[in-house]
Amino acid sequence: MPGEKEMSFLDHLEEFRERLIKCLVSVVIFSVVAFFFSAKMIDFIAKPLPGVYFMGPVEALSVRMKIAMIVGAIVSSPVILYQLWQFIVPGLLEKEVKVVAPLVFFSTFSFIVGASFAFFIVLPNMIKFLLSFGTDKLHPWIKIDDYLSFIGYTTLIFGVVFELPVVSYFLGKIGIISSATLRKGRRYAVVAIMIVAAFVTPTPDAFNMMLLAVPLYVLYEISIIVLLIQEARKKKKLKGEIQ
């Protein structure tokens, strides 16, 4: 930002190293604390299943450590975002700060909403549907590591998908897309959404595909509204400059 003392490349490198160490220390501390609660966390995330199993001598320990590290990283996210912000903000102009700050906030918020939607709504229904294909002789014997990978993949996909309005805002800001473009492309968007949902959902059935396709289309419509608001503000600002 203007008025800040200019730093050399080595100074930036040293600052980056210090901030990275702070982030890692935060993750390690919270991961250690989370490890003591990892057993209860496994019980919680495995609620939709009749049971989960580990197949190797060290798998139970490695899974609990993995969960602890994931939780540690999530709890440390405010620290990580703060350190990242403090590192990049000196190099931004005041008008860029006004754009980047809300963008970081809303992108983080959107990802959390998407991941939470997947974890609390989509996953229980998806697992219930998948387990229904068992028979009297075919019982679920689910490996805990595979189950965690399944949860991680699903929540990540939904978290990324829920970024659509934020991405649309950014693309609209730099003039790549407009609300008119998205409105005209609705029919093509529906086809694209169905294709994306079919490819990225962990299961091939229509029910689980729709659990992603419907929210994705709603987000598409929200993106149009976001762009309309953005365009209205631009017109208002331009009108004020002319006057």
C-alpha atoms as a PDB file:
ATOM      1  CA  MET A   1       0.000   0.000   0.000  1.00  0.00           C
ATOM      2  CA  PRO A   2       1.133   3.618  -0.509  1.00  0.00           C
ATOM      3  CA  GLY A   3       3.414   4.944   2.219  1.00  0.00           C
ATOM      4  CA  GLU A   4       4.770   1.482   3.106  1.00  0.00           C
ATOM      5  CA  LYS A   5       8.552   1.042   3.173  1.00  0.00           C
ATOM      6  CA  GLU A   6       9.800  -0.829   0.112  1.00  0.00           C
ATOM      7  CA  MET A   7      11.280  -4.242   0.927  1.00  0.00           C
ATOM      8  CA  SER A   8      13.938  -6.199  -0.929  1.00  0.00           C
ATOM      9  CA  PHE A   9      13.352  -9.696  -2.309  1.00  0.00           C
ATOM     10  CA  LEU A  10      15.281 -11.234   0.608  1.00  0.00           C
ATOM     11  CA  ASP A  11      13.203  -9.238   3.095  1.00  0.00           C
ATOM     12  CA  HIS A  12      10.016 -10.582   1.476  1.00  0.00           C
ATOM     13  CA  LEU A  13      11.455 -14.094   1.569  1.00  0.00           C
ATOM     14  CA  GLU A  14      12.302 -13.769   5.262  1.00  0.00           C
ATOM     15  CA  GLU A  15       8.849 -12.381   6.061  1.00  0.00           C
ATOM     16  CA  PHE A  16       7.232 -15.216   4.109  1.00  0.00           C
ATOM     17  CA  ARG A  17       9.322 -17.774   6.052  1.00  0.00           C
ATOM     18  CA  GLU A  18       8.310 -16.261   9.402  1.00  0.00           C
ATOM     19  CA  ARG A  19       4.623 -16.195   8.527  1.00  0.00           C
ATOM     20  CA  LEU A  20       4.780 -19.755   7.173  1.00  0.00           C
ATOM     21  CA  ILE A  21       6.357 -20.938  10.434  1.00  0.00           C
ATOM     22  CA  LYS A  22       3.547 -19.244  12.405  1.00  0.00           C
ATOM     23  CA  CYS A  23       0.966 -21.030  10.257  1.00  0.00           C
ATOM     24  CA  LEU A  24       2.675 -24.407  10.693  1.00  0.00           C
ATOM     25  CA  VAL A  25       3.019 -23.928  14.462  1.00  0.00           C
ATOM     26  CA  SER A  26      -0.701 -23.118  14.664  1.00  0.00           C
ATOM     27  CA  VAL A  27      -1.619 -26.231  12.655  1.00  0.00           C
ATOM     28  CA  VAL A  28       0.640 -28.451  14.779  1.00  0.00           C
ATOM     29  CA  ILE A  29      -0.730 -27.124  18.098  1.00  0.00           C
ATOM     30  CA  PHE A  30      -4.374 -27.503  17.081  1.00  0.00           C
ATOM     31  CA  SER A  31      -3.658 -30.919  15.516  1.00  0.00           C
ATOM     32  CA  VAL A  32      -2.159 -32.188  18.785  1.00  0.00           C
ATOM     33  CA  VAL A  33      -5.216 -30.971  20.697  1.00  0.00           C
ATOM     34  CA  ALA A  34      -7.562 -32.473  18.091  1.00  0.00           C
ATOM     35  CA  PHE A  35      -5.826 -35.860  18.307  1.00  0.00           C
ATOM     36  CA  PHE A  36      -7.148 -36.370  21.845  1.00  0.00           C
ATOM     37  CA  PHE A  37     -10.706 -35.979  20.479  1.00  0.00           C
ATOM     38  CA  SER A  38     -10.131 -37.940  17.257  1.00  0.00           C
ATOM     39  CA  ALA A  39     -11.907 -41.071  18.526  1.00  0.00           C
ATOM     40  CA  LYS A  40     -15.099 -39.092  19.164  1.00  0.00           C
ATOM     41  CA  MET A  41     -14.706 -37.420  15.767  1.00  0.00           C
ATOM     42  CA  ILE A  42     -14.551 -40.824  14.072  1.00  0.00           C
ATOM     43  CA  ASP A  43     -17.701 -41.889  15.930  1.00  0.00           C
ATOM     44  CA  PHE A  44     -19.416 -38.711  14.729  1.00  0.00           C
ATOM     45  CA  ILE A  45     -18.474 -38.905  11.038  1.00  0.00           C
ATOM     46  CA  ALA A  46     -19.192 -42.656  10.942  1.00  0.00           C
ATOM     47  CA  LYS A  47     -22.765 -42.247  12.287  1.00  0.00           C
ATOM     48  CA  PRO A  48     -24.422 -43.086   8.930  1.00  0.00           C
ATOM     49  CA  LEU A  49     -22.588 -46.439   8.842  1.00  0.00           C
ATOM     50  CA  PRO A  50     -23.185 -49.613  10.857  1.00  0.00           C
ATOM     51  CA  GLY A  51     -19.434 -49.671  11.524  1.00  0.00           C
ATOM     52  CA  VAL A  52     -16.018 -48.900  10.067  1.00  0.00           C
ATOM     53  CA  TYR A  53     -12.914 -51.052  10.146  1.00  0.00           C
ATOM     54  CA  PHE A  54      -9.161 -50.827   9.832  1.00  0.00           C
ATOM     55  CA  MET A  55      -7.175 -53.495   7.990  1.00  0.00           C
ATOM     56  CA  GLY A  56      -3.597 -52.879   9.103  1.00  0.00           C
ATOM     57  CA  PRO A  57      -1.818 -52.576  12.479  1.00  0.00           C
ATOM     58  CA  VAL A  58      -1.038 -48.864  12.047  1.00  0.00           C
ATOM     59  CA  GLU A  59      -4.113 -47.823  10.059  1.00  0.00           C
ATOM     60  CA  ALA A  60      -6.197 -46.795  13.084  1.00  0.00           C
ATOM     61  CA  LEU A  61      -3.377 -44.573  14.357  1.00  0.00           C
ATOM     62  CA  SER A  62      -2.683 -43.058  10.936  1.00  0.00           C
ATOM     63  CA  VAL A  63      -6.389 -42.312  10.407  1.00  0.00           C
ATOM     64  CA  ARG A  64      -6.681 -40.605  13.791  1.00  0.00           C
ATOM     65  CA  MET A  65      -3.567 -38.554  12.987  1.00  0.00           C
ATOM     66  CA  LYS A  66      -4.995 -37.653   9.587  1.00  0.00           C
ATOM     67  CA  ILE A  67      -8.274 -36.488  11.133  1.00  0.00           C
ATOM     68  CA  ALA A  68      -6.357 -34.498  13.753  1.00  0.00           C
ATOM     69  CA  MET A  69      -4.285 -32.758  11.066  1.00  0.00           C
ATOM     70  CA  ILE A  70      -7.368 -31.939   8.978  1.00  0.00           C
ATOM     71  CA  VAL A  71      -9.142 -30.470  11.997  1.00  0.00           C
ATOM     72  CA  GLY A  72      -5.952 -28.641  12.978  1.00  0.00           C
ATOM     73  CA  ALA A  73      -5.743 -27.066   9.523  1.00  0.00           C
ATOM     74  CA  ILE A  74      -9.429 -26.081   9.584  1.00  0.00           C
ATOM     75  CA  VAL A  75      -9.242 -24.527  13.061  1.00  0.00           C
ATOM     76  CA  SER A  76      -6.024 -22.756  12.040  1.00  0.00           C
ATOM     77  CA  SER A  77      -7.604 -21.288   8.890  1.00  0.00           C
ATOM     78  CA  PRO A  78      -8.228 -17.854  10.518  1.00  0.00           C
ATOM     79  CA  VAL A  79      -4.544 -17.713  11.485  1.00  0.00           C
ATOM     80  CA  ILE A  80      -3.460 -18.824   8.000  1.00  0.00           C
ATOM     81  CA  LEU A  81      -5.745 -16.316   6.268  1.00  0.00           C
ATOM     82  CA  TYR A  82      -4.580 -13.523   8.574  1.00  0.00           C
ATOM     83  CA  GLN A  83      -0.887 -14.292   7.915  1.00  0.00           C
ATOM     84  CA  LEU A  84      -1.527 -14.512   4.181  1.00  0.00           C
ATOM     85  CA  TRP A  85      -3.430 -11.233   4.236  1.00  0.00           C
ATOM     86  CA  GLN A  86      -0.695  -9.474   6.194  1.00  0.00           C
ATOM     87  CA  PHE A  87       1.863 -10.718   3.659  1.00  0.00           C
ATOM     88  CA  ILE A  88       0.059  -9.582   0.500  1.00  0.00           C
ATOM     89  CA  VAL A  89      -1.719  -6.405   1.676  1.00  0.00           C
ATOM     90  CA  PRO A  90       1.400  -4.150   1.676  1.00  0.00           C
ATOM     91  CA  GLY A  91       1.754  -4.755  -2.061  1.00  0.00           C
ATOM     92  CA  LEU A  92      -1.853  -3.857  -2.885  1.00  0.00           C
ATOM     93  CA  LEU A  93      -3.298  -0.492  -3.768  1.00  0.00           C
ATOM     94  CA  GLU A  94      -6.150   0.810  -1.612  1.00  0.00           C
ATOM     95  CA  LYS A  95      -8.747   0.104  -4.317  1.00  0.00           C
ATOM     96  CA  GLU A  96      -7.356  -3.437  -4.726  1.00  0.00           C
ATOM     97  CA  VAL A  97      -7.682  -4.044  -0.975  1.00  0.00           C
ATOM     98  CA  LYS A  98     -11.364  -3.057  -1.208  1.00  0.00           C
ATOM     99  CA  VAL A  99     -11.862  -5.766  -3.850  1.00  0.00           C
ATOM    100  CA  VAL A 100      -9.633  -8.515  -2.441  1.00  0.00           C
ATOM    101  CA  ALA A 101     -10.856  -8.364   1.178  1.00  0.00           C
ATOM    102  CA  PRO A 102     -14.554  -9.103   0.400  1.00  0.00           C
ATOM    103  CA  LEU A 103     -13.467 -11.646  -2.221  1.00  0.00           C
ATOM    104  CA  VAL A 104     -11.417 -13.603   0.332  1.00  0.00           C
ATOM    105  CA  PHE A 105     -14.233 -13.452   2.892  1.00  0.00           C
ATOM    106  CA  PHE A 106     -17.015 -14.552   0.545  1.00  0.00           C
ATOM    107  CA  SER A 107     -14.924 -17.265  -1.139  1.00  0.00           C
ATOM    108  CA  THR A 108     -14.076 -18.739   2.288  1.00  0.00           C
ATOM    109  CA  PHE A 109     -17.705 -18.463   3.423  1.00  0.00           C
ATOM    110  CA  SER A 110     -18.981 -20.076   0.191  1.00  0.00           C
ATOM    111  CA  PHE A 111     -16.559 -22.983   0.512  1.00  0.00           C
ATOM    112  CA  ILE A 112     -17.595 -23.616   4.135  1.00  0.00           C
ATOM    113  CA  VAL A 113     -21.300 -23.518   3.203  1.00  0.00           C
ATOM    114  CA  GLY A 114     -20.721 -25.941   0.318  1.00  0.00           C
ATOM    115  CA  ALA A 115     -18.654 -28.362   2.400  1.00  0.00           C
ATOM    116  CA  SER A 116     -21.209 -28.219   5.254  1.00  0.00           C
ATOM    117  CA  PHE A 117     -24.072 -28.854   2.812  1.00  0.00           C
ATOM    118  CA  ALA A 118     -22.214 -31.918   1.527  1.00  0.00           C
ATOM    119  CA  PHE A 119     -21.371 -33.247   4.992  1.00  0.00           C
ATOM    120  CA  PHE A 120     -24.705 -32.745   6.743  1.00  0.00           C
ATOM    121  CA  ILE A 121     -27.204 -33.183   3.889  1.00  0.00           C
ATOM    122  CA  VAL A 122     -25.697 -34.890   0.851  1.00  0.00           C
ATOM    123  CA  LEU A 123     -23.444 -37.510   2.458  1.00  0.00           C
ATOM    124  CA  PRO A 124     -26.036 -39.078   4.834  1.00  0.00           C
ATOM    125  CA  ASN A 125     -28.499 -39.482   1.935  1.00  0.00           C
ATOM    126  CA  MET A 126     -25.801 -40.720  -0.406  1.00  0.00           C
ATOM    127  CA  ILE A 127     -24.540 -43.325   2.056  1.00  0.00           C
ATOM    128  CA  LYS A 128     -28.069 -44.463   2.927  1.00  0.00           C
ATOM    129  CA  PHE A 129     -28.776 -44.922  -0.784  1.00  0.00           C
ATOM    130  CA  LEU A 130     -25.565 -46.860  -1.392  1.00  0.00           C
ATOM    131  CA  LEU A 131     -26.022 -49.143   1.613  1.00  0.00           C
ATOM    132  CA  SER A 132     -29.538 -50.024   0.405  1.00  0.00           C
ATOM    133  CA  PHE A 133     -27.953 -52.190  -2.304  1.00  0.00           C
ATOM    134  CA  GLY A 134     -26.778 -54.690   0.328  1.00  0.00           C
ATOM    135  CA  THR A 135     -28.487 -58.052   0.700  1.00  0.00           C
ATOM    136  CA  ASP A 136     -28.833 -60.690   3.413  1.00  0.00           C
ATOM    137  CA  LYS A 137     -25.503 -62.101   2.272  1.00  0.00           C
ATOM    138  CA  LEU A 138     -23.886 -58.863   1.088  1.00  0.00           C
ATOM    139  CA  HIS A 139     -22.941 -56.746   4.095  1.00  0.00           C
ATOM    140  CA  PRO A 140     -20.984 -53.477   4.198  1.00  0.00           C
ATOM    141  CA  TRP A 141     -17.398 -53.894   5.367  1.00  0.00           C
ATOM    142  CA  ILE A 142     -16.117 -50.340   4.963  1.00  0.00           C
ATOM    143  CA  LYS A 143     -12.488 -49.453   5.489  1.00  0.00           C
ATOM    144  CA  ILE A 144     -12.102 -46.265   7.545  1.00  0.00           C
ATOM    145  CA  ASP A 145      -9.383 -44.841   5.274  1.00  0.00           C
ATOM    146  CA  ASP A 146     -11.566 -45.329   2.177  1.00  0.00           C
ATOM    147  CA  TYR A 147     -14.518 -43.779   3.980  1.00  0.00           C
ATOM    148  CA  LEU A 148     -12.507 -40.677   4.909  1.00  0.00           C
ATOM    149  CA  SER A 149     -11.315 -40.321   1.313  1.00  0.00           C
ATOM    150  CA  PHE A 150     -14.936 -40.568   0.151  1.00  0.00           C
ATOM    151  CA  ILE A 151     -16.007 -37.838   2.610  1.00  0.00           C
ATOM    152  CA  GLY A 152     -13.027 -35.633   1.735  1.00  0.00           C
ATOM    153  CA  TYR A 153     -13.650 -35.895  -2.012  1.00  0.00           C
ATOM    154  CA  THR A 154     -17.377 -35.146  -1.703  1.00  0.00           C
ATOM    155  CA  THR A 155     -16.989 -32.150   0.638  1.00  0.00           C
ATOM    156  CA  LEU A 156     -14.184 -30.737  -1.518  1.00  0.00           C
ATOM    157  CA  ILE A 157     -16.284 -30.977  -4.693  1.00  0.00           C
ATOM    158  CA  PHE A 158     -19.252 -29.224  -3.076  1.00  0.00           C
ATOM    159  CA  GLY A 159     -17.013 -26.602  -1.484  1.00  0.00           C
ATOM    160  CA  VAL A 160     -15.508 -25.754  -4.873  1.00  0.00           C
ATOM    161  CA  VAL A 161     -18.901 -25.798  -6.636  1.00  0.00           C
ATOM    162  CA  PHE A 162     -20.334 -23.315  -4.130  1.00  0.00           C
ATOM    163  CA  GLU A 163     -17.644 -20.830  -5.228  1.00  0.00           C
ATOM    164  CA  LEU A 164     -19.566 -20.255  -8.490  1.00  0.00           C
ATOM    165  CA  PRO A 165     -21.184 -16.907  -7.487  1.00  0.00           C
ATOM    166  CA  VAL A 166     -17.801 -15.608  -6.259  1.00  0.00           C
ATOM    167  CA  VAL A 167     -16.081 -16.662  -9.500  1.00  0.00           C
ATOM    168  CA  SER A 168     -18.906 -15.086 -11.505  1.00  0.00           C
ATOM    169  CA  TYR A 169     -18.515 -11.833  -9.558  1.00  0.00           C
ATOM    170  CA  PHE A 170     -14.782 -11.777 -10.281  1.00  0.00           C
ATOM    171  CA  LEU A 171     -15.245 -12.578 -13.997  1.00  0.00           C
ATOM    172  CA  GLY A 172     -17.936  -9.914 -14.206  1.00  0.00           C
ATOM    173  CA  LYS A 173     -15.646  -7.429 -12.484  1.00  0.00           C
ATOM    174  CA  ILE A 174     -12.990  -7.823 -15.173  1.00  0.00           C
ATOM    175  CA  GLY A 175     -15.564  -7.858 -17.974  1.00  0.00           C
ATOM    176  CA  ILE A 176     -15.346 -11.479 -19.129  1.00  0.00           C
ATOM    177  CA  ILE A 177     -19.004 -12.352 -18.469  1.00  0.00           C
ATOM    178  CA  SER A 178     -22.254 -10.465 -17.839  1.00  0.00           C
ATOM    179  CA  SER A 179     -25.731 -11.277 -16.534  1.00  0.00           C
ATOM    180  CA  ALA A 180     -26.998 -11.226 -20.133  1.00  0.00           C
ATOM    181  CA  THR A 181     -24.413 -13.856 -21.103  1.00  0.00           C
ATOM    182  CA  LEU A 182     -25.535 -16.198 -18.319  1.00  0.00           C
ATOM    183  CA  ARG A 183     -29.232 -15.622 -19.043  1.00  0.00           C
ATOM    184  CA  LYS A 184     -28.758 -16.481 -22.722  1.00  0.00           C
ATOM    185  CA  GLY A 185     -26.727 -19.551 -21.818  1.00  0.00           C
ATOM    186  CA  ARG A 186     -29.255 -21.115 -19.420  1.00  0.00           C
ATOM    187  CA  ARG A 187     -30.176 -24.067 -21.658  1.00  0.00           C
ATOM    188  CA  TYR A 188     -26.511 -24.852 -22.303  1.00  0.00           C
ATOM    189  CA  ALA A 189     -25.743 -24.387 -18.607  1.00  0.00           C
ATOM    190  CA  VAL A 190     -28.337 -27.028 -17.656  1.00  0.00           C
ATOM    191  CA  VAL A 191     -26.692 -29.567 -19.974  1.00  0.00           C
ATOM    192  CA  ALA A 192     -23.211 -28.631 -18.699  1.00  0.00           C
ATOM    193  CA  ILE A 193     -24.362 -28.889 -15.073  1.00  0.00           C
ATOM    194  CA  MET A 194     -25.787 -32.383 -15.639  1.00  0.00           C
ATOM    195  CA  ILE A 195     -22.543 -33.501 -17.317  1.00  0.00           C
ATOM    196  CA  VAL A 196     -20.393 -32.041 -14.517  1.00  0.00           C
ATOM    197  CA  ALA A 197     -22.617 -33.609 -11.839  1.00  0.00           C
ATOM    198  CA  ALA A 198     -22.428 -36.995 -13.580  1.00  0.00           C
ATOM    199  CA  PHE A 199     -18.627 -36.879 -13.730  1.00  0.00           C
ATOM    200  CA  VAL A 200     -17.715 -35.480 -10.318  1.00  0.00           C
ATOM    201  CA  THR A 201     -20.221 -37.201  -8.000  1.00  0.00           C
ATOM    202  CA  PRO A 202     -18.651 -40.274  -6.371  1.00  0.00           C
ATOM    203  CA  THR A 203     -21.625 -42.456  -7.375  1.00  0.00           C
ATOM    204  CA  PRO A 204     -23.215 -42.869 -10.829  1.00  0.00           C
ATOM    205  CA  ASP A 205     -26.885 -42.906  -9.776  1.00  0.00           C
ATOM    206  CA  ALA A 206     -29.335 -40.145 -10.746  1.00  0.00           C
ATOM    207  CA  PHE A 207     -30.396 -39.439  -7.149  1.00  0.00           C
ATOM    208  CA  ASN A 208     -26.931 -38.450  -5.940  1.00  0.00           C
ATOM    209  CA  MET A 209     -26.204 -36.680  -9.219  1.00  0.00           C
ATOM    210  CA  MET A 210     -29.226 -34.449  -8.609  1.00  0.00           C
ATOM    211  CA  LEU A 211     -27.974 -33.641  -5.103  1.00  0.00           C
ATOM    212  CA  LEU A 212     -25.165 -31.763  -6.851  1.00  0.00           C
ATOM    213  CA  ALA A 213     -26.961 -30.663 -10.029  1.00  0.00           C
ATOM    214  CA  VAL A 214     -29.846 -28.865  -8.274  1.00  0.00           C
ATOM    215  CA  PRO A 215     -27.668 -26.726  -5.938  1.00  0.00           C
ATOM    216  CA  LEU A 216     -25.332 -26.017  -8.872  1.00  0.00           C
ATOM    217  CA  TYR A 217     -28.214 -24.670 -10.957  1.00  0.00           C
ATOM    218  CA  VAL A 218     -29.441 -22.586  -8.004  1.00  0.00           C
ATOM    219  CA  LEU A 219     -25.924 -21.168  -7.703  1.00  0.00           C
ATOM    220  CA  TYR A 220     -26.003 -20.397 -11.420  1.00  0.00           C
ATOM    221  CA  GLU A 221     -29.154 -18.326 -10.903  1.00  0.00           C
ATOM    222  CA  ILE A 222     -27.582 -16.648  -7.847  1.00  0.00           C
ATOM    223  CA  SER A 223     -24.597 -15.774 -10.059  1.00  0.00           C
ATOM    224  CA  ILE A 224     -26.949 -13.970 -12.454  1.00  0.00           C
ATOM    225  CA  ILE A 225     -28.393 -11.964  -9.548  1.00  0.00           C
ATOM    226  CA  VAL A 226     -24.873 -11.128  -8.300  1.00  0.00           C
ATOM    227  CA  LEU A 227     -23.915  -9.867 -11.761  1.00  0.00           C
ATOM    228  CA  LEU A 228     -27.121  -7.840 -12.050  1.00  0.00           C
ATOM    229  CA  ILE A 229     -26.337  -6.096  -8.742  1.00  0.00           C
ATOM    230  CA  GLN A 230     -22.764  -5.514  -9.854  1.00  0.00           C
ATOM    231  CA  GLU A 231     -23.881  -4.039 -13.187  1.00  0.00           C
ATOM    232  CA  ALA A 232     -26.446  -1.786 -11.479  1.00  0.00           C
ATOM    233  CA  ARG A 233     -23.701  -0.408  -9.223  1.00  0.00           C
ATOM    234  CA  LYS A 234     -21.451   0.210 -12.232  1.00  0.00           C
ATOM    235  CA  LYS A 235     -24.209   2.121 -14.020  1.00  0.00           C
ATOM    236  CA  LYS A 236     -24.965   4.166 -10.916  1.00  0.00           C
ATOM    237  CA  LYS A 237     -21.273   5.011 -10.475  1.00  0.00           C
ATOM    238  CA  LEU A 238     -20.867   5.906 -14.154  1.00  0.00           C
ATOM    239  CA  LYS A 239     -23.991   8.078 -14.026  1.00  0.00           C
ATOM    240  CA  GLY A 240     -22.613   9.906 -10.981  1.00  0.00           C
ATOM    241  CA  GLU A 241     -19.284  10.547 -12.744  1.00  0.00           C
ATOM    242  CA  ILE A 242     -21.038  11.961 -15.819  1.00  0.00           C
ATOM    243  CA  GLN A 243     -23.115  14.307 -13.675  1.00  0.00           C
END
